[in-house]
Structures are given as structure tokens and as C-alpha cells.
Amino acid sequence: MASVERRAHMVWEGDLMGGNGSLSEEDSGMLRDAAVTIASRTESPEGKTSPEELIASAHAACYAIALSNTWLSKTRPRCVSRWTPCVPWTTSS
């Protein structure tokens, strides 16, 4: 199997709780200057993403692809799989 490398670029300004950042994925161009904040992890996202949301998206894509491949290796009908992962996040008070 070929080696695959993917790159992303993150810029963060400010402190942990009041700061904000911008995330860009450098290979496919699907993410350009996506807003990232700590508040989007613990409060209302308000159009911004969080590391947990990105991990959940990656897990959902990998799982759905693998599950579809498994089904199709057993049968030949068209397969559509939908999976919604949950990445738990607990804030300390």
C-alpha cells in the first residue's frame, strides 16, 4: 500500500479561553480558514469547529467506508452506511 501524507496548518492567537484560531487543510482544500475556538468545545459552536468535531468527522468517514467495504465483500447490492460518532468532552469546573 502506498504511503499517504496529509498536512494541515493551524494559527492560534491569544490565550486558551479567550483566543481563537484558524485551521486550513493543505491537500484537498476542503478546509480553508475554518474558525476554531475553545468555546466551540464547551459552549455553543456558533459556526466554529473544535478538535473533537474534526476527530468525530474523521472517525465517521473511516467507519462508514470500512463498513460499506465489508458489506460489499459479502453481497453486491448498493450499500449506504450512516454513522454518527460521539466524542465525549467533559469540562472541569
N, C-alpha and C. Protein backbone atom coordinates (compact mmCIF):
# COMPACT_ATOMS: atom_id res chain seq x y z
N MET A 1 0.85 -1.18 0.00
CA MET A 1 0.00 0.00 0.00
C MET A 1 0.89 1.24 0.00
N ALA A 2 0.50 2.23 -0.75
CA ALA A 2 1.27 3.47 -0.86
C ALA A 2 1.21 4.27 0.43
N SER A 3 2.30 4.95 0.70
CA SER A 3 2.34 5.82 1.87
C SER A 3 1.60 7.12 1.54
N VAL A 4 0.78 7.57 2.47
CA VAL A 4 -0.01 8.78 2.26
C VAL A 4 0.30 9.76 3.38
N GLU A 5 0.50 10.99 3.01
CA GLU A 5 0.76 12.03 3.99
C GLU A 5 -0.23 13.16 3.77
N ARG A 6 -0.82 13.65 4.83
CA ARG A 6 -1.75 14.77 4.76
C ARG A 6 -1.25 15.88 5.68
N ARG A 7 -1.47 17.12 5.29
CA ARG A 7 -0.98 18.26 6.06
C ARG A 7 -2.11 19.24 6.36
N ALA A 8 -1.99 19.86 7.51
CA ALA A 8 -2.91 20.93 7.90
C ALA A 8 -2.09 22.03 8.55
N HIS A 9 -2.65 23.23 8.58
CA HIS A 9 -1.96 24.38 9.14
C HIS A 9 -2.90 25.07 10.13
N MET A 10 -2.41 25.32 11.32
CA MET A 10 -3.23 25.95 12.37
C MET A 10 -2.52 27.19 12.89
N VAL A 11 -3.26 28.27 13.00
CA VAL A 11 -2.76 29.51 13.61
C VAL A 11 -3.65 29.79 14.81
N TRP A 12 -3.05 30.01 15.98
CA TRP A 12 -3.79 30.33 17.20
C TRP A 12 -3.31 31.66 17.73
N GLU A 13 -4.25 32.52 18.10
CA GLU A 13 -3.91 33.82 18.67
C GLU A 13 -4.62 33.98 20.00
N GLY A 14 -3.89 34.44 21.00
CA GLY A 14 -4.48 34.69 22.31
C GLY A 14 -4.29 33.55 23.29
N ASP A 15 -4.90 33.71 24.44
CA ASP A 15 -4.78 32.69 25.48
C ASP A 15 -5.76 31.55 25.22
N LEU A 16 -5.75 30.58 26.12
CA LEU A 16 -6.56 29.38 25.93
C LEU A 16 -8.05 29.69 25.85
N MET A 17 -8.60 30.38 26.82
CA MET A 17 -10.05 30.58 26.88
C MET A 17 -10.55 31.72 25.99
N GLY A 18 -9.77 32.76 25.80
CA GLY A 18 -10.25 33.91 25.03
C GLY A 18 -9.73 33.96 23.61
N GLY A 19 -8.79 33.08 23.29
CA GLY A 19 -8.18 33.11 21.97
C GLY A 19 -9.04 32.46 20.90
N ASN A 20 -8.54 32.53 19.69
CA ASN A 20 -9.21 31.87 18.57
C ASN A 20 -8.17 31.48 17.55
N GLY A 21 -8.57 30.58 16.67
CA GLY A 21 -7.63 30.10 15.68
C GLY A 21 -8.27 29.89 14.33
N SER A 22 -7.41 29.55 13.38
CA SER A 22 -7.84 29.31 12.02
C SER A 22 -7.13 28.05 11.53
N LEU A 23 -7.89 27.11 11.02
CA LEU A 23 -7.36 25.82 10.56
C LEU A 23 -7.56 25.69 9.06
N SER A 24 -6.49 25.34 8.36
CA SER A 24 -6.58 25.09 6.91
C SER A 24 -5.96 23.74 6.63
N GLU A 25 -6.63 22.97 5.80
CA GLU A 25 -6.13 21.68 5.36
C GLU A 25 -5.46 21.93 4.02
N GLU A 26 -4.24 21.43 3.86
CA GLU A 26 -3.43 21.83 2.73
C GLU A 26 -3.51 20.92 1.50
N ASP A 27 -4.14 19.77 1.60
CA ASP A 27 -4.09 18.84 0.47
C ASP A 27 -5.33 18.90 -0.43
N SER A 28 -6.50 18.64 0.11
CA SER A 28 -7.70 18.64 -0.74
C SER A 28 -8.32 20.03 -0.86
N GLY A 29 -8.02 20.91 0.07
CA GLY A 29 -8.60 22.24 0.04
C GLY A 29 -10.01 22.33 0.61
N MET A 30 -10.48 21.25 1.23
CA MET A 30 -11.85 21.24 1.77
C MET A 30 -12.00 22.16 2.98
N LEU A 31 -10.95 22.34 3.76
CA LEU A 31 -10.99 23.24 4.91
C LEU A 31 -10.08 24.42 4.62
N ARG A 32 -10.64 25.59 4.59
CA ARG A 32 -9.85 26.82 4.39
C ARG A 32 -10.25 27.81 5.47
N ASP A 33 -9.30 28.13 6.30
CA ASP A 33 -9.51 29.13 7.35
C ASP A 33 -10.74 28.83 8.21
N ALA A 34 -10.90 27.57 8.61
CA ALA A 34 -12.01 27.19 9.49
C ALA A 34 -11.75 27.76 10.88
N ALA A 35 -12.72 28.47 11.42
CA ALA A 35 -12.57 29.09 12.73
C ALA A 35 -12.62 28.03 13.83
N VAL A 36 -11.66 28.12 14.78
CA VAL A 36 -11.57 27.19 15.90
C VAL A 36 -11.46 27.99 17.19
N THR A 37 -12.27 27.63 18.18
CA THR A 37 -12.17 28.26 19.49
C THR A 37 -12.35 27.22 20.59
N ILE A 38 -11.90 27.54 21.78
CA ILE A 38 -12.15 26.68 22.93
C ILE A 38 -13.64 26.73 23.27
N ALA A 39 -14.26 27.87 23.09
CA ALA A 39 -15.69 28.00 23.38
C ALA A 39 -16.51 27.03 22.52
N SER A 40 -16.05 26.74 21.31
CA SER A 40 -16.80 25.81 20.46
C SER A 40 -16.71 24.38 21.01
N ARG A 41 -15.77 24.13 21.90
CA ARG A 41 -15.66 22.81 22.55
C ARG A 41 -16.62 22.70 23.72
N THR A 42 -16.81 23.79 24.43
CA THR A 42 -17.54 23.73 25.70
C THR A 42 -18.87 24.45 25.72
N GLU A 43 -19.11 25.30 24.73
CA GLU A 43 -20.33 26.09 24.69
C GLU A 43 -20.99 25.90 23.32
N SER A 44 -21.72 26.86 22.88
CA SER A 44 -22.35 26.81 21.56
C SER A 44 -21.28 27.01 20.48
N PRO A 45 -21.27 26.16 19.45
CA PRO A 45 -20.23 26.28 18.42
C PRO A 45 -20.28 27.59 17.62
N GLU A 46 -21.46 28.13 17.39
CA GLU A 46 -21.64 29.39 16.66
C GLU A 46 -20.85 29.42 15.35
N GLY A 47 -20.92 28.32 14.58
CA GLY A 47 -20.26 28.27 13.28
C GLY A 47 -18.78 27.97 13.32
N LYS A 48 -18.25 27.68 14.50
CA LYS A 48 -16.83 27.37 14.63
C LYS A 48 -16.69 25.88 14.94
N THR A 49 -15.53 25.32 14.64
CA THR A 49 -15.30 23.91 14.89
C THR A 49 -14.39 23.70 16.10
N SER A 50 -14.21 22.43 16.46
CA SER A 50 -13.34 22.07 17.57
C SER A 50 -12.55 20.82 17.18
N PRO A 51 -11.46 20.53 17.87
CA PRO A 51 -10.71 19.31 17.56
C PRO A 51 -11.59 18.06 17.68
N GLU A 52 -12.49 18.03 18.65
CA GLU A 52 -13.35 16.86 18.82
C GLU A 52 -14.29 16.66 17.63
N GLU A 53 -14.79 17.76 17.08
CA GLU A 53 -15.67 17.66 15.92
C GLU A 53 -14.91 17.12 14.71
N LEU A 54 -13.67 17.55 14.55
CA LEU A 54 -12.86 17.07 13.43
C LEU A 54 -12.51 15.59 13.59
N ILE A 55 -12.21 15.17 14.82
CA ILE A 55 -11.94 13.75 15.09
C ILE A 55 -13.19 12.92 14.83
N ALA A 56 -14.34 13.39 15.31
CA ALA A 56 -15.59 12.67 15.08
C ALA A 56 -15.88 12.54 13.59
N SER A 57 -15.61 13.58 12.82
CA SER A 57 -15.82 13.54 11.37
C SER A 57 -14.91 12.51 10.71
N ALA A 58 -13.65 12.49 11.11
CA ALA A 58 -12.71 11.51 10.55
C ALA A 58 -13.13 10.09 10.91
N HIS A 59 -13.53 9.86 12.14
CA HIS A 59 -13.98 8.53 12.56
C HIS A 59 -15.21 8.10 11.77
N ALA A 60 -16.16 9.00 11.60
CA ALA A 60 -17.38 8.67 10.85
C ALA A 60 -17.05 8.27 9.43
N ALA A 61 -16.16 9.01 8.77
CA ALA A 61 -15.80 8.70 7.39
C ALA A 61 -15.10 7.35 7.31
N CYS A 62 -14.12 7.11 8.17
CA CYS A 62 -13.38 5.84 8.14
C CYS A 62 -14.30 4.65 8.43
N TYR A 63 -15.14 4.79 9.42
CA TYR A 63 -16.03 3.69 9.81
C TYR A 63 -17.03 3.38 8.68
N ALA A 64 -17.63 4.41 8.12
CA ALA A 64 -18.62 4.20 7.05
C ALA A 64 -17.99 3.55 5.83
N ILE A 65 -16.78 3.97 5.47
CA ILE A 65 -16.08 3.38 4.33
C ILE A 65 -15.76 1.92 4.60
N ALA A 66 -15.21 1.63 5.79
CA ALA A 66 -14.86 0.25 6.13
C ALA A 66 -16.09 -0.64 6.21
N LEU A 67 -17.16 -0.14 6.81
CA LEU A 67 -18.38 -0.91 6.93
C LEU A 67 -18.99 -1.20 5.55
N SER A 68 -19.01 -0.22 4.69
CA SER A 68 -19.52 -0.42 3.33
C SER A 68 -18.68 -1.45 2.59
N ASN A 69 -17.37 -1.38 2.74
CA ASN A 69 -16.49 -2.35 2.10
C ASN A 69 -16.77 -3.77 2.60
N THR A 70 -16.98 -3.91 3.91
CA THR A 70 -17.28 -5.23 4.48
C THR A 70 -18.59 -5.77 3.92
N TRP A 71 -19.63 -4.92 3.90
CA TRP A 71 -20.92 -5.36 3.36
C TRP A 71 -20.79 -5.77 1.89
N LEU A 72 -20.09 -4.94 1.12
CA LEU A 72 -19.97 -5.22 -0.32
C LEU A 72 -19.12 -6.46 -0.60
N SER A 73 -18.23 -6.81 0.30
CA SER A 73 -17.44 -8.03 0.08
C SER A 73 -18.29 -9.27 0.31
N LYS A 74 -19.40 -9.14 1.05
CA LYS A 74 -20.31 -10.26 1.32
C LYS A 74 -21.46 -10.31 0.32
N THR A 75 -21.95 -9.16 -0.10
CA THR A 75 -23.06 -9.07 -1.04
C THR A 75 -22.72 -8.01 -2.08
N ARG A 76 -23.47 -7.94 -3.13
CA ARG A 76 -23.18 -6.97 -4.18
C ARG A 76 -24.18 -5.82 -4.29
N PRO A 77 -25.26 -5.77 -3.51
CA PRO A 77 -26.17 -4.62 -3.67
C PRO A 77 -25.51 -3.33 -3.21
N ARG A 78 -26.06 -2.26 -3.69
CA ARG A 78 -25.56 -0.94 -3.28
C ARG A 78 -25.70 -0.79 -1.78
N CYS A 79 -24.69 -0.21 -1.17
CA CYS A 79 -24.66 -0.08 0.28
C CYS A 79 -24.51 1.40 0.65
N VAL A 80 -25.34 1.88 1.54
CA VAL A 80 -25.20 3.22 2.09
C VAL A 80 -25.13 3.06 3.60
N SER A 81 -24.03 3.52 4.18
CA SER A 81 -23.93 3.42 5.63
C SER A 81 -23.87 4.82 6.22
N ARG A 82 -24.53 4.99 7.33
CA ARG A 82 -24.54 6.27 8.03
C ARG A 82 -24.14 6.00 9.47
N TRP A 83 -23.19 6.79 9.96
CA TRP A 83 -22.71 6.59 11.32
C TRP A 83 -22.44 7.95 11.93
N THR A 84 -22.92 8.16 13.14
CA THR A 84 -22.72 9.41 13.84
C THR A 84 -21.96 9.15 15.13
N PRO A 85 -20.65 9.38 15.12
CA PRO A 85 -19.88 9.13 16.34
C PRO A 85 -20.05 10.27 17.33
N CYS A 86 -19.77 9.96 18.56
CA CYS A 86 -19.81 10.97 19.62
C CYS A 86 -18.45 10.97 20.32
N VAL A 87 -17.79 12.10 20.32
CA VAL A 87 -16.52 12.23 21.03
C VAL A 87 -16.83 12.95 22.34
N PRO A 88 -16.79 12.23 23.48
CA PRO A 88 -17.14 12.85 24.75
C PRO A 88 -16.13 13.91 25.17
N TRP A 89 -16.64 14.96 25.76
CA TRP A 89 -15.78 16.03 26.25
C TRP A 89 -16.37 16.51 27.57
N THR A 90 -15.58 16.47 28.60
CA THR A 90 -16.03 16.92 29.91
C THR A 90 -15.19 18.09 30.34
N THR A 91 -15.84 19.16 30.74
CA THR A 91 -15.10 20.31 31.24
C THR A 91 -15.00 20.24 32.74
N SER A 92 -13.88 20.70 33.26
CA SER A 92 -13.75 20.71 34.72
C SER A 92 -14.23 22.06 35.24
N SER A 93 -14.86 22.03 36.41
CA SER A 93 -15.36 23.30 36.94
C SER A 93 -14.41 23.87 37.94
